[in-house]
Amino acid sequence: MREEIMEILTELRPDVEFENEKKLIDDGILDSFDIVSLVGELNDAFDVSINVQDLLPENFNCVDAMVELIENLQEEE
């Protein structure tokens, strides 16, 4: 799962070294357009539905947070 998220992020923003970033949202590395694209890609790739209430900076600040979010969403379904 982590590798697939990394691929999605790298396609979205090839200029960012996602492995080392811990504050993608807080530091403004990903903007709102990036998040919209990212959410769509994650929904499709992992067959989940990321809702508005899930759109919190802490869920998207780093790859580990995204993995945790998707795992939690998959458990709920």
PDB file of N, CA and C in Angstrom:
ATOM      1  N   MET A   1       0.825  -1.194   0.000  1.00  0.00           N
ATOM      2  CA  MET A   1       0.000   0.000   0.000  1.00  0.00           C
ATOM      3  C   MET A   1       0.871   1.262   0.000  1.00  0.00           C
ATOM      4  N   ARG A   2       1.881   1.253   0.833  1.00  0.00           N
ATOM      5  CA  ARG A   2       2.764   2.418   0.942  1.00  0.00           C
ATOM      6  C   ARG A   2       3.413   2.744  -0.403  1.00  0.00           C
ATOM      7  N   GLU A   3       3.864   1.704  -1.108  1.00  0.00           N
ATOM      8  CA  GLU A   3       4.520   1.905  -2.394  1.00  0.00           C
ATOM      9  C   GLU A   3       3.546   2.506  -3.405  1.00  0.00           C
ATOM     10  N   GLU A   4       2.299   2.037  -3.377  1.00  0.00           N
ATOM     11  CA  GLU A   4       1.300   2.541  -4.306  1.00  0.00           C
ATOM     12  C   GLU A   4       0.975   4.016  -4.018  1.00  0.00           C
ATOM     13  N   ILE A   5       0.898   4.365  -2.744  1.00  0.00           N
ATOM     14  CA  ILE A   5       0.668   5.765  -2.379  1.00  0.00           C
ATOM     15  C   ILE A   5       1.845   6.620  -2.841  1.00  0.00           C
ATOM     16  N   MET A   6       3.048   6.118  -2.669  1.00  0.00           N
ATOM     17  CA  MET A   6       4.243   6.853  -3.113  1.00  0.00           C
ATOM     18  C   MET A   6       4.209   7.079  -4.623  1.00  0.00           C
ATOM     19  N   GLU A   7       3.779   6.068  -5.381  1.00  0.00           N
ATOM     20  CA  GLU A   7       3.676   6.215  -6.833  1.00  0.00           C
ATOM     21  C   GLU A   7       2.667   7.304  -7.196  1.00  0.00           C
ATOM     22  N   ILE A   8       1.506   7.279  -6.539  1.00  0.00           N
ATOM     23  CA  ILE A   8       0.470   8.274  -6.805  1.00  0.00           C
ATOM     24  C   ILE A   8       1.006   9.682  -6.500  1.00  0.00           C
ATOM     25  N   LEU A   9       1.652   9.836  -5.354  1.00  0.00           N
ATOM     26  CA  LEU A   9       2.188  11.138  -4.959  1.00  0.00           C
ATOM     27  C   LEU A   9       3.271  11.610  -5.927  1.00  0.00           C
ATOM     28  N   THR A  10       4.130  10.708  -6.341  1.00  0.00           N
ATOM     29  CA  THR A  10       5.223  11.071  -7.242  1.00  0.00           C
ATOM     30  C   THR A  10       4.688  11.481  -8.611  1.00  0.00           C
ATOM     31  N   GLU A  11       3.636  10.809  -9.080  1.00  0.00           N
ATOM     32  CA  GLU A  11       3.013  11.213 -10.344  1.00  0.00           C
ATOM     33  C   GLU A  11       2.356  12.588 -10.200  1.00  0.00           C
ATOM     34  N   LEU A  12       1.754  12.824  -9.048  1.00  0.00           N
ATOM     35  CA  LEU A  12       1.073  14.090  -8.792  1.00  0.00           C
ATOM     36  C   LEU A  12       2.062  15.254  -8.709  1.00  0.00           C
ATOM     37  N   ARG A  13       3.129  15.052  -7.948  1.00  0.00           N
ATOM     38  CA  ARG A  13       4.138  16.106  -7.729  1.00  0.00           C
ATOM     39  C   ARG A  13       5.543  15.509  -7.788  1.00  0.00           C
ATOM     40  N   PRO A  14       6.082  15.313  -9.000  1.00  0.00           N
ATOM     41  CA  PRO A  14       7.417  14.704  -9.130  1.00  0.00           C
ATOM     42  C   PRO A  14       8.534  15.540  -8.519  1.00  0.00           C
ATOM     43  N   ASP A  15       8.255  16.802  -8.209  1.00  0.00           N
ATOM     44  CA  ASP A  15       9.271  17.704  -7.662  1.00  0.00           C
ATOM     45  C   ASP A  15       9.451  17.574  -6.150  1.00  0.00           C
ATOM     46  N   VAL A  16       8.642  16.738  -5.493  1.00  0.00           N
ATOM     47  CA  VAL A  16       8.673  16.633  -4.026  1.00  0.00           C
ATOM     48  C   VAL A  16       9.242  15.279  -3.608  1.00  0.00           C
ATOM     49  N   GLU A  17      10.087  15.284  -2.587  1.00  0.00           N
ATOM     50  CA  GLU A  17      10.635  14.050  -2.013  1.00  0.00           C
ATOM     51  C   GLU A  17       9.732  13.643  -0.851  1.00  0.00           C
ATOM     52  N   PHE A  18       8.702  12.869  -1.162  1.00  0.00           N
ATOM     53  CA  PHE A  18       7.651  12.554  -0.192  1.00  0.00           C
ATOM     54  C   PHE A  18       8.128  11.696   0.974  1.00  0.00           C
ATOM     55  N   GLU A  19       9.139  10.892   0.748  1.00  0.00           N
ATOM     56  CA  GLU A  19       9.608   9.979   1.789  1.00  0.00           C
ATOM     57  C   GLU A  19      10.064  10.732   3.037  1.00  0.00           C
ATOM     58  N   ASN A  20      10.598  11.919   2.852  1.00  0.00           N
ATOM     59  CA  ASN A  20      11.175  12.672   3.976  1.00  0.00           C
ATOM     60  C   ASN A  20      10.265  13.753   4.527  1.00  0.00           C
ATOM     61  N   GLU A  21       9.148  14.001   3.874  1.00  0.00           N
ATOM     62  CA  GLU A  21       8.268  15.083   4.306  1.00  0.00           C
ATOM     63  C   GLU A  21       7.290  14.622   5.388  1.00  0.00           C
ATOM     64  N   LYS A  22       7.131  15.441   6.403  1.00  0.00           N
ATOM     65  CA  LYS A  22       6.216  15.123   7.504  1.00  0.00           C
ATOM     66  C   LYS A  22       5.106  16.171   7.655  1.00  0.00           C
ATOM     67  N   LYS A  23       5.189  17.246   6.875  1.00  0.00           N
ATOM     68  CA  LYS A  23       4.203  18.325   6.977  1.00  0.00           C
ATOM     69  C   LYS A  23       3.798  18.800   5.585  1.00  0.00           C
ATOM     70  N   LEU A  24       3.299  17.872   4.775  1.00  0.00           N
ATOM     71  CA  LEU A  24       2.932  18.202   3.395  1.00  0.00           C
ATOM     72  C   LEU A  24       1.880  19.285   3.322  1.00  0.00           C
ATOM     73  N   ILE A  25       0.932  19.264   4.247  1.00  0.00           N
ATOM     74  CA  ILE A  25      -0.134  20.264   4.261  1.00  0.00           C
ATOM     75  C   ILE A  25       0.310  21.496   5.045  1.00  0.00           C
ATOM     76  N   ASP A  26       0.802  21.277   6.250  1.00  0.00           N
ATOM     77  CA  ASP A  26       1.179  22.392   7.130  1.00  0.00           C
ATOM     78  C   ASP A  26       2.226  23.305   6.490  1.00  0.00           C
ATOM     79  N   ASP A  27       3.139  22.723   5.700  1.00  0.00           N
ATOM     80  CA  ASP A  27       4.184  23.521   5.058  1.00  0.00           C
ATOM     81  C   ASP A  27       3.778  24.014   3.666  1.00  0.00           C
ATOM     82  N   GLY A  28       2.545  23.703   3.248  1.00  0.00           N
ATOM     83  CA  GLY A  28       2.062  24.191   1.958  1.00  0.00           C
ATOM     84  C   GLY A  28       2.661  23.481   0.754  1.00  0.00           C
ATOM     85  N   ILE A  29       3.219  22.309   0.953  1.00  0.00           N
ATOM     86  CA  ILE A  29       3.807  21.564  -0.159  1.00  0.00           C
ATOM     87  C   ILE A  29       2.708  21.053  -1.087  1.00  0.00           C
ATOM     88  N   LEU A  30       1.625  20.559  -0.498  1.00  0.00           N
ATOM     89  CA  LEU A  30       0.458  20.164  -1.280  1.00  0.00           C
ATOM     90  C   LEU A  30      -0.622  21.223  -1.106  1.00  0.00           C
ATOM     91  N   ASP A  31      -1.155  21.706  -2.219  1.00  0.00           N
ATOM     92  CA  ASP A  31      -2.230  22.697  -2.132  1.00  0.00           C
ATOM     93  C   ASP A  31      -3.585  22.011  -2.305  1.00  0.00           C
ATOM     94  N   SER A  32      -4.643  22.799  -2.293  1.00  0.00           N
ATOM     95  CA  SER A  32      -5.989  22.221  -2.340  1.00  0.00           C
ATOM     96  C   SER A  32      -6.235  21.451  -3.637  1.00  0.00           C
ATOM     97  N   PHE A  33      -5.670  21.912  -4.741  1.00  0.00           N
ATOM     98  CA  PHE A  33      -5.843  21.194  -6.006  1.00  0.00           C
ATOM     99  C   PHE A  33      -5.141  19.840  -5.962  1.00  0.00           C
ATOM    100  N   ASP A  34      -3.952  19.816  -5.352  1.00  0.00           N
ATOM    101  CA  ASP A  34      -3.226  18.544  -5.186  1.00  0.00           C
ATOM    102  C   ASP A  34      -4.049  17.570  -4.353  1.00  0.00           C
ATOM    103  N   ILE A  35      -4.658  18.065  -3.287  1.00  0.00           N
ATOM    104  CA  ILE A  35      -5.439  17.202  -2.397  1.00  0.00           C
ATOM    105  C   ILE A  35      -6.652  16.632  -3.126  1.00  0.00           C
ATOM    106  N   VAL A  36      -7.333  17.457  -3.917  1.00  0.00           N
ATOM    107  CA  VAL A  36      -8.489  16.968  -4.674  1.00  0.00           C
ATOM    108  C   VAL A  36      -8.063  15.833  -5.605  1.00  0.00           C
ATOM    109  N   SER A  37      -6.975  16.032  -6.318  1.00  0.00           N
ATOM    110  CA  SER A  37      -6.464  14.991  -7.220  1.00  0.00           C
ATOM    111  C   SER A  37      -6.041  13.755  -6.445  1.00  0.00           C
ATOM    112  N   LEU A  38      -5.352  13.974  -5.336  1.00  0.00           N
ATOM    113  CA  LEU A  38      -4.867  12.874  -4.513  1.00  0.00           C
ATOM    114  C   LEU A  38      -6.016  12.038  -3.960  1.00  0.00           C
ATOM    115  N   VAL A  39      -7.041  12.693  -3.447  1.00  0.00           N
ATOM    116  CA  VAL A  39      -8.195  11.984  -2.884  1.00  0.00           C
ATOM    117  C   VAL A  39      -8.856  11.117  -3.954  1.00  0.00           C
ATOM    118  N   GLY A  40      -9.025  11.656  -5.151  1.00  0.00           N
ATOM    119  CA  GLY A  40      -9.606  10.878  -6.242  1.00  0.00           C
ATOM    120  C   GLY A  40      -8.781   9.656  -6.574  1.00  0.00           C
ATOM    121  N   GLU A  41      -7.481   9.832  -6.647  1.00  0.00           N
ATOM    122  CA  GLU A  41      -6.576   8.720  -6.959  1.00  0.00           C
ATOM    123  C   GLU A  41      -6.600   7.663  -5.849  1.00  0.00           C
ATOM    124  N   LEU A  42      -6.577   8.102  -4.596  1.00  0.00           N
ATOM    125  CA  LEU A  42      -6.594   7.160  -3.472  1.00  0.00           C
ATOM    126  C   LEU A  42      -7.920   6.403  -3.417  1.00  0.00           C
ATOM    127  N   ASN A  43      -9.026   7.107  -3.641  1.00  0.00           N
ATOM    128  CA  ASN A  43     -10.333   6.451  -3.659  1.00  0.00           C
ATOM    129  C   ASN A  43     -10.358   5.338  -4.703  1.00  0.00           C
ATOM    130  N   ASP A  44      -9.864   5.638  -5.898  1.00  0.00           N
ATOM    131  CA  ASP A  44      -9.871   4.656  -6.983  1.00  0.00           C
ATOM    132  C   ASP A  44      -8.906   3.504  -6.712  1.00  0.00           C
ATOM    133  N   ALA A  45      -7.711   3.841  -6.281  1.00  0.00           N
ATOM    134  CA  ALA A  45      -6.664   2.828  -6.106  1.00  0.00           C
ATOM    135  C   ALA A  45      -6.989   1.838  -4.992  1.00  0.00           C
ATOM    136  N   PHE A  46      -7.627   2.317  -3.927  1.00  0.00           N
ATOM    137  CA  PHE A  46      -7.838   1.469  -2.752  1.00  0.00           C
ATOM    138  C   PHE A  46      -9.307   1.166  -2.494  1.00  0.00           C
ATOM    139  N   ASP A  47     -10.179   1.581  -3.402  1.00  0.00           N
ATOM    140  CA  ASP A  47     -11.618   1.308  -3.302  1.00  0.00           C
ATOM    141  C   ASP A  47     -12.176   1.752  -1.953  1.00  0.00           C
ATOM    142  N   VAL A  48     -11.867   3.008  -1.611  1.00  0.00           N
ATOM    143  CA  VAL A  48     -12.381   3.612  -0.380  1.00  0.00           C
ATOM    144  C   VAL A  48     -13.093   4.909  -0.746  1.00  0.00           C
ATOM    145  N   SER A  49     -13.780   5.482   0.226  1.00  0.00           N
ATOM    146  CA  SER A  49     -14.413   6.790   0.048  1.00  0.00           C
ATOM    147  C   SER A  49     -13.894   7.736   1.125  1.00  0.00           C
ATOM    148  N   ILE A  50     -12.991   8.602   0.716  1.00  0.00           N
ATOM    149  CA  ILE A  50     -12.470   9.612   1.637  1.00  0.00           C
ATOM    150  C   ILE A  50     -13.483  10.749   1.656  1.00  0.00           C
ATOM    151  N   ASN A  51     -14.084  10.979   2.817  1.00  0.00           N
ATOM    152  CA  ASN A  51     -15.151  11.966   2.965  1.00  0.00           C
ATOM    153  C   ASN A  51     -14.598  13.314   3.404  1.00  0.00           C
ATOM    154  N   VAL A  52     -15.472  14.299   3.386  1.00  0.00           N
ATOM    155  CA  VAL A  52     -15.087  15.654   3.782  1.00  0.00           C
ATOM    156  C   VAL A  52     -14.514  15.665   5.193  1.00  0.00           C
ATOM    157  N   GLN A  53     -15.115  14.892   6.106  1.00  0.00           N
ATOM    158  CA  GLN A  53     -14.621  14.890   7.491  1.00  0.00           C
ATOM    159  C   GLN A  53     -13.224  14.266   7.618  1.00  0.00           C
ATOM    160  N   ASP A  54     -12.796  13.530   6.573  1.00  0.00           N
ATOM    161  CA  ASP A  54     -11.452  12.949   6.571  1.00  0.00           C
ATOM    162  C   ASP A  54     -10.397  13.919   6.043  1.00  0.00           C
ATOM    163  N   LEU A  55     -10.826  15.034   5.473  1.00  0.00           N
ATOM    164  CA  LEU A  55      -9.908  15.982   4.850  1.00  0.00           C
ATOM    165  C   LEU A  55      -9.268  16.896   5.883  1.00  0.00           C
ATOM    166  N   LEU A  56      -8.534  16.304   6.772  1.00  0.00           N
ATOM    167  CA  LEU A  56      -7.826  17.025   7.822  1.00  0.00           C
ATOM    168  C   LEU A  56      -6.326  16.995   7.526  1.00  0.00           C
ATOM    169  N   PRO A  57      -5.622  18.059   7.837  1.00  0.00           N
ATOM    170  CA  PRO A  57      -4.182  18.078   7.564  1.00  0.00           C
ATOM    171  C   PRO A  57      -3.450  16.868   8.136  1.00  0.00           C
ATOM    172  N   GLU A  58      -3.823  16.443   9.335  1.00  0.00           N
ATOM    173  CA  GLU A  58      -3.106  15.320   9.947  1.00  0.00           C
ATOM    174  C   GLU A  58      -3.257  14.019   9.160  1.00  0.00           C
ATOM    175  N   ASN A  59      -4.280  13.911   8.316  1.00  0.00           N
ATOM    176  CA  ASN A  59      -4.456  12.706   7.496  1.00  0.00           C
ATOM    177  C   ASN A  59      -3.620  12.735   6.228  1.00  0.00           C
ATOM    178  N   PHE A  60      -3.065  13.899   5.879  1.00  0.00           N
ATOM    179  CA  PHE A  60      -2.346  14.032   4.616  1.00  0.00           C
ATOM    180  C   PHE A  60      -0.968  14.669   4.764  1.00  0.00           C
ATOM    181  N   ASN A  61      -0.500  14.870   5.982  1.00  0.00           N
ATOM    182  CA  ASN A  61       0.789  15.519   6.188  1.00  0.00           C
ATOM    183  C   ASN A  61       1.966  14.636   5.802  1.00  0.00           C
ATOM    184  N   CYS A  62       1.788  13.313   5.836  1.00  0.00           N
ATOM    185  CA  CYS A  62       2.879  12.409   5.465  1.00  0.00           C
ATOM    186  C   CYS A  62       2.296  11.103   4.921  1.00  0.00           C
ATOM    187  N   VAL A  63       3.149  10.323   4.300  1.00  0.00           N
ATOM    188  CA  VAL A  63       2.716   9.064   3.692  1.00  0.00           C
ATOM    189  C   VAL A  63       2.160   8.115   4.750  1.00  0.00           C
ATOM    190  N   ASP A  64       2.801   8.050   5.912  1.00  0.00           N
ATOM    191  CA  ASP A  64       2.324   7.152   6.973  1.00  0.00           C
ATOM    192  C   ASP A  64       0.902   7.503   7.400  1.00  0.00           C
ATOM    193  N   ALA A  65       0.592   8.791   7.462  1.00  0.00           N
ATOM    194  CA  ALA A  65      -0.761   9.216   7.839  1.00  0.00           C
ATOM    195  C   ALA A  65      -1.773   8.788   6.787  1.00  0.00           C
ATOM    196  N   MET A  66      -1.383   8.857   5.511  1.00  0.00           N
ATOM    197  CA  MET A  66      -2.282   8.432   4.437  1.00  0.00           C
ATOM    198  C   MET A  66      -2.523   6.925   4.478  1.00  0.00           C
ATOM    199  N   VAL A  67      -1.474   6.173   4.768  1.00  0.00           N
ATOM    200  CA  VAL A  67      -1.613   4.718   4.913  1.00  0.00           C
ATOM    201  C   VAL A  67      -2.592   4.408   6.039  1.00  0.00           C
ATOM    202  N   GLU A  68      -2.432   5.076   7.166  1.00  0.00           N
ATOM    203  CA  GLU A  68      -3.309   4.851   8.316  1.00  0.00           C
ATOM    204  C   GLU A  68      -4.757   5.207   7.988  1.00  0.00           C
ATOM    205  N   LEU A  69      -4.963   6.324   7.299  1.00  0.00           N
ATOM    206  CA  LEU A  69      -6.308   6.734   6.909  1.00  0.00           C
ATOM    207  C   LEU A  69      -6.960   5.669   6.023  1.00  0.00           C
ATOM    208  N   ILE A  70      -6.246   5.205   5.031  1.00  0.00           N
ATOM    209  CA  ILE A  70      -6.813   4.217   4.111  1.00  0.00           C
ATOM    210  C   ILE A  70      -7.087   2.900   4.821  1.00  0.00           C
ATOM    211  N   GLU A  71      -6.159   2.472   5.685  1.00  0.00           N
ATOM    212  CA  GLU A  71      -6.390   1.239   6.443  1.00  0.00           C
ATOM    213  C   GLU A  71      -7.643   1.360   7.293  1.00  0.00           C
ATOM    214  N   ASN A  72      -7.827   2.504   7.950  1.00  0.00           N
ATOM    215  CA  ASN A  72      -9.025   2.716   8.783  1.00  0.00           C
ATOM    216  C   ASN A  72     -10.290   2.697   7.931  1.00  0.00           C
ATOM    217  N   LEU A  73     -10.244   3.322   6.773  1.00  0.00           N
ATOM    218  CA  LEU A  73     -11.417   3.349   5.891  1.00  0.00           C
ATOM    219  C   LEU A  73     -11.747   1.953   5.363  1.00  0.00           C
ATOM    220  N   GLN A  74     -10.717   1.176   5.067  1.00  0.00           N
ATOM    221  CA  GLN A  74     -10.946  -0.184   4.579  1.00  0.00           C
ATOM    222  C   GLN A  74     -11.554  -1.061   5.663  1.00  0.00           C
ATOM    223  N   GLU A  75     -11.151  -0.842   6.903  1.00  0.00           N
ATOM    224  CA  GLU A  75     -11.705  -1.613   8.020  1.00  0.00           C
ATOM    225  C   GLU A  75     -13.187  -1.302   8.239  1.00  0.00           C
ATOM    226  N   GLU A  76     -13.567  -0.044   7.982  1.00  0.00           N
ATOM    227  CA  GLU A  76     -14.955   0.377   8.203  1.00  0.00           C
ATOM    228  C   GLU A  76     -15.925  -0.249   7.208  1.00  0.00           C
ATOM    229  N   GLU A  77     -15.417  -0.556   6.016  1.00  0.00           N
ATOM    230  CA  GLU A  77     -16.315  -1.070   4.960  1.00  0.00           C
ATOM    231  C   GLU A  77     -16.597  -2.531   5.092  1.00  0.00           C
TER     232      GLU A  77
END
